[in-house]
């Protein structure tokens, strides 16, 4: 677990901090706005590519990140106006938000897919698989549908803020604030999601969120049944 956290921290450094640092290094060296933006935009996603090459597999998170990386690379070469290049971040967040919202009512919401490797077997009714919970607990499904919708709505709000920053502030200032948003947005969303999920009972094995099982200990009786909504 500690190794996974260290790897995640390294990937965050590469994908979020290094591009902004590279931009300001290039600007200090006299490189123009557009060239600096294009070159620094090639850095994010390299960690995902390295993982893909090393492990030769692509999970949901990897697919999501690679898709955004390819879109980002295409947009970087689409125009020569630095303001348009700054709007790339907003467009990526719109795509991400739309992707979350599109899956919210589907059979596998993105928030569930991204959270499952981290939480399944470590929180709530640990003895129950999430496949079983998804099939038997409407409340469990609702938690992840709402969580996915919250991520999507948050991404759209983030995109709107990026548009305002890109169109109103000096380019050099906007780049720094845009990079800062990549750290602030997930932190704020995680706080919101954790509060919602805790109140919904996701982390409490005694919560009515979880159906009872004959072999379950500490799980309330009265199974929740129903077809997947």
Protein backbone atom coordinates (compact mmCIF):
# COMPACT_ATOMS: atom_id res chain seq x y z
CA UNK A 1 0.00 0.00 0.00
CA UNK A 2 2.82 2.40 0.89
CA UNK A 3 4.51 1.63 -2.42
CA UNK A 4 1.26 2.34 -4.29
CA UNK A 5 0.91 5.69 -2.54
CA UNK A 6 4.49 6.57 -3.39
CA UNK A 7 3.92 5.67 -7.04
CA UNK A 8 0.73 7.78 -7.08
CA UNK A 9 2.63 10.73 -5.62
CA UNK A 10 5.32 10.42 -8.30
CA UNK A 11 2.69 10.28 -11.05
CA UNK A 12 0.99 13.36 -9.60
CA UNK A 13 4.31 15.19 -9.57
CA UNK A 14 4.96 14.29 -13.20
CA UNK A 15 1.46 14.98 -14.49
CA UNK A 16 0.55 18.09 -12.50
CA UNK A 17 3.63 19.88 -11.16
CA UNK A 18 6.25 19.22 -13.82
CA UNK A 19 4.26 20.72 -16.77
CA UNK A 20 3.76 24.02 -14.93
CA UNK A 21 7.41 24.11 -13.83
CA UNK A 22 8.54 23.36 -17.38
CA UNK A 23 6.35 26.16 -18.75
CA UNK A 24 7.94 28.76 -16.46
CA UNK A 25 11.46 27.46 -17.19
CA UNK A 26 10.81 27.83 -20.91
CA UNK A 27 9.35 31.30 -20.46
CA UNK A 28 12.36 32.36 -18.38
CA UNK A 29 14.57 31.12 -21.22
CA UNK A 30 12.76 33.42 -23.64
CA UNK A 31 10.52 30.85 -25.33
CA UNK A 32 7.19 32.23 -26.56
CA UNK A 33 3.79 31.61 -25.02
CA UNK A 34 2.56 29.12 -27.59
CA UNK A 35 5.74 27.04 -27.78
CA UNK A 36 5.98 26.92 -23.99
CA UNK A 37 2.35 25.81 -23.68
CA UNK A 38 2.68 23.14 -26.35
CA UNK A 39 5.93 21.68 -25.00
CA UNK A 40 4.75 21.62 -21.40
CA UNK A 41 1.47 20.00 -22.43
CA UNK A 42 3.34 16.93 -23.71
CA UNK A 43 4.37 15.93 -20.17
CA UNK A 44 1.01 14.95 -18.58
CA UNK A 45 -0.01 11.35 -19.17
CA UNK A 46 3.52 10.03 -19.61
CA UNK A 47 3.20 8.19 -16.30
CA UNK A 48 0.11 6.40 -17.59
CA UNK A 49 1.93 5.44 -20.78
CA UNK A 50 4.88 4.07 -18.81
CA UNK A 51 2.51 2.01 -16.66
CA UNK A 52 0.73 0.73 -19.77
CA UNK A 53 4.00 -0.34 -21.41
CA UNK A 54 5.33 -1.93 -18.22
CA UNK A 55 2.19 -3.82 -17.16
CA UNK A 56 0.74 -4.32 -20.66
CA UNK A 57 -2.79 -3.68 -19.47
CA UNK A 58 -5.20 -0.76 -19.41
CA UNK A 59 -7.80 -0.49 -16.66
CA UNK A 60 -10.69 2.00 -16.47
CA UNK A 61 -8.55 4.73 -14.97
CA UNK A 62 -5.82 4.13 -17.53
CA UNK A 63 -8.28 4.29 -20.41
CA UNK A 64 -9.73 7.50 -19.02
CA UNK A 65 -6.30 9.13 -18.63
CA UNK A 66 -4.98 7.99 -22.02
CA UNK A 67 -8.11 9.32 -23.75
CA UNK A 68 -7.67 12.72 -22.10
CA UNK A 69 -3.96 12.70 -22.90
CA UNK A 70 -4.59 12.05 -26.60
CA UNK A 71 -7.24 14.76 -26.70
CA UNK A 72 -4.88 17.15 -24.95
CA UNK A 73 -2.08 16.44 -27.41
CA UNK A 74 -4.39 17.04 -30.36
CA UNK A 75 -5.67 20.32 -28.96
CA UNK A 76 -2.13 21.54 -28.26
CA UNK A 77 -1.38 21.61 -31.97
CA UNK A 78 -4.77 22.93 -33.05
CA UNK A 79 -4.06 26.64 -32.93
CA UNK A 80 -1.53 29.38 -32.34
CA UNK A 81 -3.46 31.58 -29.92
CA UNK A 82 -2.22 31.13 -26.32
CA UNK A 83 -5.72 31.93 -25.02
CA UNK A 84 -7.13 29.05 -27.04
CA UNK A 85 -4.44 26.76 -25.69
CA UNK A 86 -5.33 27.83 -22.15
CA UNK A 87 -8.94 26.89 -22.85
CA UNK A 88 -7.74 23.35 -23.53
CA UNK A 89 -7.87 22.63 -19.81
CA UNK A 90 -11.49 23.76 -19.64
CA UNK A 91 -12.42 21.58 -22.61
CA UNK A 92 -10.74 18.56 -21.04
CA UNK A 93 -12.72 19.09 -17.85
CA UNK A 94 -15.94 19.37 -19.87
CA UNK A 95 -15.12 16.04 -21.54
CA UNK A 96 -14.30 14.47 -18.16
CA UNK A 97 -17.46 15.87 -16.57
CA UNK A 98 -19.59 14.69 -19.45
CA UNK A 99 -18.02 11.24 -19.26
CA UNK A 100 -18.86 10.96 -15.56
CA UNK A 101 -22.43 12.17 -16.05
CA UNK A 102 -22.97 9.82 -19.01
CA UNK A 103 -22.10 6.80 -16.86
CA UNK A 104 -24.00 7.87 -13.75
CA UNK A 105 -27.16 5.96 -14.70
CA UNK A 106 -25.35 3.11 -16.42
CA UNK A 107 -24.35 -0.33 -15.12
CA UNK A 108 -20.86 0.80 -14.08
CA UNK A 109 -20.56 4.44 -12.91
CA UNK A 110 -17.06 5.87 -13.23
CA UNK A 111 -16.79 6.79 -9.55
CA UNK A 112 -17.38 3.16 -8.62
CA UNK A 113 -14.83 1.91 -11.14
CA UNK A 114 -12.15 4.31 -9.91
CA UNK A 115 -12.88 3.73 -6.21
CA UNK A 116 -13.26 -0.04 -6.27
CA UNK A 117 -9.52 -0.94 -6.33
CA UNK A 118 -8.96 1.32 -3.32
CA UNK A 119 -12.03 0.58 -1.18
CA UNK A 120 -13.43 -2.87 -1.93
CA UNK A 121 -12.68 -5.20 0.98
CA UNK A 122 -11.31 -2.33 3.07
CA UNK A 123 -14.46 -0.48 4.07
CA UNK A 124 -18.13 -1.18 4.83
CA UNK A 125 -19.25 -4.78 4.52
CA UNK A 126 -15.78 -6.14 3.80
CA UNK A 127 -16.90 -9.73 3.35
CA UNK A 128 -19.22 -8.85 0.44
CA UNK A 129 -18.07 -8.29 -3.11
CA UNK A 130 -19.16 -5.09 -4.82
CA UNK A 131 -20.66 -7.14 -7.63
CA UNK A 132 -22.99 -8.72 -5.09
CA UNK A 133 -23.75 -5.36 -3.47
CA UNK A 134 -24.51 -3.78 -6.83
CA UNK A 135 -27.03 -6.53 -7.61
CA UNK A 136 -28.75 -6.65 -4.22
CA UNK A 137 -28.62 -3.14 -2.74
CA UNK A 138 -30.42 -0.22 -4.42
CA UNK A 139 -28.92 2.08 -1.79
CA UNK A 140 -25.42 0.97 -2.74
CA UNK A 141 -26.16 1.71 -6.39
CA UNK A 142 -27.57 5.10 -5.47
CA UNK A 143 -24.42 6.06 -3.55
CA UNK A 144 -22.23 5.45 -6.57
CA UNK A 145 -24.64 7.04 -9.03
CA UNK A 146 -24.77 10.19 -6.89
CA UNK A 147 -20.99 10.12 -6.37
CA UNK A 148 -20.44 9.89 -10.12
CA UNK A 149 -22.89 12.74 -10.77
CA UNK A 150 -21.10 14.87 -8.18
CA UNK A 151 -17.76 14.30 -9.88
CA UNK A 152 -19.29 15.22 -13.23
CA UNK A 153 -20.94 18.40 -11.93
CA UNK A 154 -17.76 19.39 -10.13
CA UNK A 155 -15.73 18.97 -13.30
CA UNK A 156 -18.10 21.27 -15.19
CA UNK A 157 -17.80 23.91 -12.45
CA UNK A 158 -14.02 23.58 -12.65
CA UNK A 159 -14.22 24.05 -16.43
CA UNK A 160 -16.24 27.26 -16.02
CA UNK A 161 -13.64 28.66 -13.61
CA UNK A 162 -10.88 27.78 -16.09
CA UNK A 163 -12.67 29.67 -18.86
CA UNK A 164 -12.88 32.81 -16.72
CA UNK A 165 -9.20 32.55 -15.76
CA UNK A 166 -8.05 31.89 -19.33
CA UNK A 167 -9.94 34.83 -20.81
CA UNK A 168 -9.39 37.46 -18.13
CA UNK A 169 -5.94 36.99 -16.58
CA UNK A 170 -2.42 37.36 -18.04
CA UNK A 171 -1.24 34.16 -19.72
CA UNK A 172 1.64 33.56 -17.31
CA UNK A 173 -0.68 33.94 -14.32
CA UNK A 174 -3.38 31.78 -15.88
CA UNK A 175 -0.96 28.88 -16.42
CA UNK A 176 -0.02 28.80 -12.74
CA UNK A 177 -3.62 29.01 -11.55
CA UNK A 178 -4.66 26.34 -14.03
CA UNK A 179 -2.01 24.00 -12.67
CA UNK A 180 -3.07 24.78 -9.11
CA UNK A 181 -6.65 23.85 -9.98
CA UNK A 182 -5.57 20.33 -10.90
CA UNK A 183 -4.59 19.88 -7.26
CA UNK A 184 -7.36 21.87 -5.62
CA UNK A 185 -10.26 20.37 -7.58
CA UNK A 186 -9.67 16.72 -6.60
CA UNK A 187 -9.01 17.73 -2.98
CA UNK A 188 -12.29 19.65 -2.74
CA UNK A 189 -14.22 16.89 -4.48
CA UNK A 190 -12.77 14.21 -2.21
CA UNK A 191 -13.90 16.16 0.85
CA UNK A 192 -17.41 16.54 -0.60
CA UNK A 193 -17.56 12.86 -1.62
CA UNK A 194 -16.24 11.58 1.70
CA UNK A 195 -18.80 13.62 3.64
CA UNK A 196 -21.63 12.41 1.42
CA UNK A 197 -20.52 8.77 1.47
CA UNK A 198 -20.00 8.76 5.23
CA UNK A 199 -23.49 10.18 5.78
CA UNK A 200 -24.90 7.63 3.34
CA UNK A 201 -23.32 4.83 5.41
CA UNK A 202 -20.81 3.55 2.85
CA UNK A 203 -18.08 3.02 5.45
CA UNK A 204 -20.33 1.60 8.18
CA UNK A 205 -20.80 -2.21 7.97
CA UNK A 206 -23.97 -1.89 10.08
CA UNK A 207 -25.54 0.57 7.65
CA UNK A 208 -28.83 -0.24 5.94
CA UNK A 209 -26.81 0.26 2.76
CA UNK A 210 -25.72 -3.37 3.04
CA UNK A 211 -28.03 -6.39 2.77
CA UNK A 212 -27.84 -8.93 5.57
CA UNK A 213 -26.18 -12.29 4.97
CA UNK A 214 -26.49 -15.44 7.07
CA UNK A 215 -22.73 -15.49 7.64
CA UNK A 216 -22.39 -11.73 8.18
CA UNK A 217 -21.39 -10.46 11.60
CA UNK A 218 -22.58 -7.07 12.75
CA UNK A 219 -24.70 -6.48 9.66
CA UNK A 220 -28.36 -5.60 10.40
CA UNK A 221 -31.15 -7.94 9.41
CA UNK A 222 -33.72 -7.15 6.77
CA UNK A 223 -32.07 -7.58 3.37
CA UNK A 224 -32.56 -4.88 0.78
CA UNK A 225 -33.83 -6.42 -2.41
CA UNK A 226 -34.79 -5.13 -5.78
CA UNK A 227 -33.71 -5.00 -9.35
CA UNK A 228 -30.80 -2.73 -10.33
CA UNK A 229 -32.13 0.76 -10.93
